[in-house]
Amino acid sequence: MIVKVKVKPNAKKEEIKELGKDYYEIRVTVVPEKGKANKKVIEILSKHLKVPKSRIKLIRGETSREKLFEIDM
């Protein structure tokens, strides 16, 4: 399953919104440096979709706000 995510780093609170089928907006409180925001996004996706973090892989957009994740269900 491929999921598209729009990331908003440095937010006041963490939240996830479903914008469409397999399309999410995720706000994280961490800064986007050294992959910290990406790790937090994976953690939030993991909790929301109820899959282990090890099954979520960033496939595109490491330094972009628009990211694509592959999730093994």
N, C-alpha and C. Protein backbone atom coordinates (compact mmCIF):
# COMPACT_ATOMS: atom_id res chain seq x y z
N MET A 1 0.84 -1.17 0.00
CA MET A 1 0.00 0.00 0.00
C MET A 1 0.90 1.24 0.00
N ILE A 2 0.59 2.19 -0.87
CA ILE A 2 1.34 3.44 -0.95
C ILE A 2 0.49 4.55 -0.33
N VAL A 3 1.11 5.33 0.56
CA VAL A 3 0.41 6.41 1.25
C VAL A 3 1.14 7.71 0.97
N LYS A 4 0.40 8.74 0.60
CA LYS A 4 0.97 10.07 0.38
C LYS A 4 0.74 10.90 1.63
N VAL A 5 1.78 11.60 2.07
CA VAL A 5 1.69 12.37 3.31
C VAL A 5 2.21 13.79 3.08
N LYS A 6 1.45 14.75 3.55
CA LYS A 6 1.88 16.15 3.55
C LYS A 6 2.29 16.46 4.99
N VAL A 7 3.54 16.83 5.19
CA VAL A 7 4.07 17.02 6.55
C VAL A 7 4.16 18.50 6.88
N LYS A 8 3.74 18.84 8.08
CA LYS A 8 3.87 20.20 8.60
C LYS A 8 4.73 20.14 9.86
N PRO A 9 6.03 20.38 9.73
CA PRO A 9 6.92 20.34 10.91
C PRO A 9 6.77 21.59 11.77
N ASN A 10 7.31 21.53 12.99
CA ASN A 10 7.30 22.66 13.93
C ASN A 10 5.90 23.10 14.31
N ALA A 11 4.95 22.19 14.33
CA ALA A 11 3.58 22.52 14.71
C ALA A 11 3.47 22.64 16.23
N LYS A 12 2.40 23.25 16.69
CA LYS A 12 2.20 23.37 18.14
C LYS A 12 1.79 22.05 18.77
N LYS A 13 1.04 21.22 18.01
CA LYS A 13 0.66 19.91 18.53
C LYS A 13 0.70 18.90 17.39
N GLU A 14 0.84 17.64 17.77
CA GLU A 14 0.88 16.57 16.77
C GLU A 14 -0.52 16.09 16.47
N GLU A 15 -0.80 15.96 15.16
CA GLU A 15 -2.10 15.44 14.75
C GLU A 15 -2.00 14.88 13.34
N ILE A 16 -2.99 14.05 13.03
CA ILE A 16 -3.07 13.46 11.69
C ILE A 16 -4.48 13.69 11.16
N LYS A 17 -4.55 14.13 9.90
CA LYS A 17 -5.85 14.35 9.24
C LYS A 17 -5.86 13.53 7.96
N GLU A 18 -6.97 12.88 7.71
CA GLU A 18 -7.11 12.15 6.45
C GLU A 18 -7.73 13.11 5.43
N LEU A 19 -6.97 13.41 4.37
CA LEU A 19 -7.44 14.34 3.35
C LEU A 19 -8.13 13.62 2.21
N GLY A 20 -7.89 12.34 2.08
CA GLY A 20 -8.48 11.53 1.02
C GLY A 20 -8.07 10.10 1.22
N LYS A 21 -8.40 9.26 0.25
CA LYS A 21 -8.01 7.85 0.35
C LYS A 21 -6.49 7.75 0.22
N ASP A 22 -5.83 7.22 1.23
CA ASP A 22 -4.38 7.07 1.28
C ASP A 22 -3.64 8.40 1.15
N TYR A 23 -4.22 9.48 1.64
CA TYR A 23 -3.58 10.80 1.62
C TYR A 23 -3.82 11.47 2.97
N TYR A 24 -2.73 11.80 3.66
CA TYR A 24 -2.82 12.34 5.02
C TYR A 24 -2.04 13.64 5.15
N GLU A 25 -2.46 14.47 6.10
CA GLU A 25 -1.68 15.62 6.52
C GLU A 25 -1.28 15.33 7.96
N ILE A 26 0.00 15.37 8.23
CA ILE A 26 0.50 15.07 9.57
C ILE A 26 1.28 16.27 10.08
N ARG A 27 0.90 16.75 11.24
CA ARG A 27 1.62 17.84 11.91
C ARG A 27 2.49 17.24 13.01
N VAL A 28 3.76 17.63 13.03
CA VAL A 28 4.68 17.15 14.05
C VAL A 28 5.34 18.34 14.74
N THR A 29 5.70 18.14 16.00
CA THR A 29 6.26 19.23 16.79
C THR A 29 7.78 19.33 16.64
N VAL A 30 8.40 18.35 16.03
CA VAL A 30 9.87 18.36 15.90
C VAL A 30 10.30 19.15 14.68
N VAL A 31 11.58 19.55 14.70
CA VAL A 31 12.15 20.31 13.58
C VAL A 31 12.58 19.35 12.47
N PRO A 32 12.54 19.82 11.22
CA PRO A 32 12.90 18.94 10.11
C PRO A 32 14.41 18.90 9.84
N GLU A 33 15.16 18.36 10.80
CA GLU A 33 16.59 18.24 10.58
C GLU A 33 17.07 16.85 10.98
N LYS A 34 17.99 16.33 10.20
CA LYS A 34 18.60 15.00 10.43
C LYS A 34 17.56 13.88 10.51
N GLY A 35 16.45 14.02 9.79
CA GLY A 35 15.46 12.95 9.73
C GLY A 35 14.55 12.83 10.95
N LYS A 36 14.62 13.79 11.88
CA LYS A 36 13.79 13.72 13.09
C LYS A 36 12.30 13.76 12.76
N ALA A 37 11.91 14.66 11.86
CA ALA A 37 10.50 14.78 11.50
C ALA A 37 10.01 13.52 10.78
N ASN A 38 10.85 12.94 9.93
CA ASN A 38 10.48 11.71 9.22
C ASN A 38 10.23 10.57 10.20
N LYS A 39 11.08 10.45 11.21
CA LYS A 39 10.91 9.39 12.22
C LYS A 39 9.61 9.59 12.98
N LYS A 40 9.29 10.83 13.30
CA LYS A 40 8.05 11.12 14.02
C LYS A 40 6.83 10.83 13.15
N VAL A 41 6.92 11.14 11.86
CA VAL A 41 5.82 10.86 10.94
C VAL A 41 5.57 9.36 10.87
N ILE A 42 6.64 8.58 10.79
CA ILE A 42 6.51 7.12 10.76
C ILE A 42 5.86 6.61 12.05
N GLU A 43 6.25 7.18 13.17
CA GLU A 43 5.67 6.80 14.46
C GLU A 43 4.16 7.10 14.50
N ILE A 44 3.76 8.26 14.03
CA ILE A 44 2.35 8.65 14.03
C ILE A 44 1.55 7.78 13.06
N LEU A 45 2.10 7.55 11.87
CA LEU A 45 1.43 6.67 10.90
C LEU A 45 1.26 5.26 11.47
N SER A 46 2.28 4.78 12.15
CA SER A 46 2.26 3.44 12.74
C SER A 46 1.11 3.31 13.73
N LYS A 47 0.95 4.29 14.60
CA LYS A 47 -0.13 4.26 15.58
C LYS A 47 -1.50 4.38 14.91
N HIS A 48 -1.61 5.27 13.94
CA HIS A 48 -2.90 5.50 13.27
C HIS A 48 -3.36 4.29 12.46
N LEU A 49 -2.43 3.67 11.73
CA LEU A 49 -2.79 2.54 10.88
C LEU A 49 -2.66 1.18 11.58
N LYS A 50 -2.14 1.21 12.81
CA LYS A 50 -1.98 0.00 13.63
C LYS A 50 -1.09 -1.05 12.94
N VAL A 51 0.07 -0.59 12.46
CA VAL A 51 1.09 -1.48 11.89
C VAL A 51 2.42 -1.15 12.56
N PRO A 52 3.32 -2.13 12.65
CA PRO A 52 4.62 -1.86 13.25
C PRO A 52 5.42 -0.84 12.42
N LYS A 53 6.24 -0.05 13.11
CA LYS A 53 7.05 0.96 12.43
C LYS A 53 7.99 0.32 11.40
N SER A 54 8.41 -0.90 11.65
CA SER A 54 9.33 -1.59 10.74
C SER A 54 8.69 -1.89 9.38
N ARG A 55 7.38 -1.82 9.29
CA ARG A 55 6.69 -2.10 8.02
C ARG A 55 6.40 -0.84 7.22
N ILE A 56 6.85 0.30 7.72
CA ILE A 56 6.64 1.57 7.02
C ILE A 56 7.98 2.06 6.50
N LYS A 57 8.02 2.32 5.20
CA LYS A 57 9.27 2.70 4.55
C LYS A 57 9.05 3.97 3.72
N LEU A 58 9.91 4.96 3.92
CA LEU A 58 9.87 6.19 3.14
C LEU A 58 10.48 5.90 1.77
N ILE A 59 9.69 6.09 0.71
CA ILE A 59 10.22 5.78 -0.62
C ILE A 59 10.51 7.03 -1.45
N ARG A 60 9.90 8.17 -1.10
CA ARG A 60 10.19 9.40 -1.83
C ARG A 60 9.89 10.61 -0.96
N GLY A 61 10.74 11.65 -1.06
CA GLY A 61 10.47 12.91 -0.38
C GLY A 61 11.17 13.07 0.95
N GLU A 62 12.37 12.55 1.07
CA GLU A 62 13.08 12.62 2.34
C GLU A 62 13.25 14.05 2.85
N THR A 63 13.51 15.00 1.94
CA THR A 63 13.70 16.40 2.36
C THR A 63 12.53 17.29 1.94
N SER A 64 11.48 16.70 1.42
CA SER A 64 10.32 17.46 0.95
C SER A 64 9.18 17.36 1.96
N ARG A 65 8.23 18.26 1.86
CA ARG A 65 7.05 18.16 2.73
C ARG A 65 6.05 17.15 2.21
N GLU A 66 6.10 16.87 0.91
CA GLU A 66 5.26 15.84 0.30
C GLU A 66 6.05 14.54 0.27
N LYS A 67 5.56 13.51 0.94
CA LYS A 67 6.29 12.25 1.06
C LYS A 67 5.43 11.07 0.61
N LEU A 68 6.09 10.03 0.15
CA LEU A 68 5.41 8.79 -0.19
C LEU A 68 5.98 7.69 0.70
N PHE A 69 5.08 6.96 1.33
CA PHE A 69 5.47 5.84 2.19
C PHE A 69 4.89 4.56 1.64
N GLU A 70 5.67 3.49 1.73
CA GLU A 70 5.20 2.16 1.38
C GLU A 70 4.93 1.43 2.69
N ILE A 71 3.74 0.84 2.79
CA ILE A 71 3.36 0.15 4.02
C ILE A 71 3.01 -1.30 3.71
N ASP A 72 3.72 -2.22 4.36
CA ASP A 72 3.42 -3.65 4.21
C ASP A 72 2.35 -4.01 5.22
N MET A 73 1.18 -4.35 4.73
CA MET A 73 0.06 -4.70 5.62
C MET A 73 0.05 -6.14 5.97
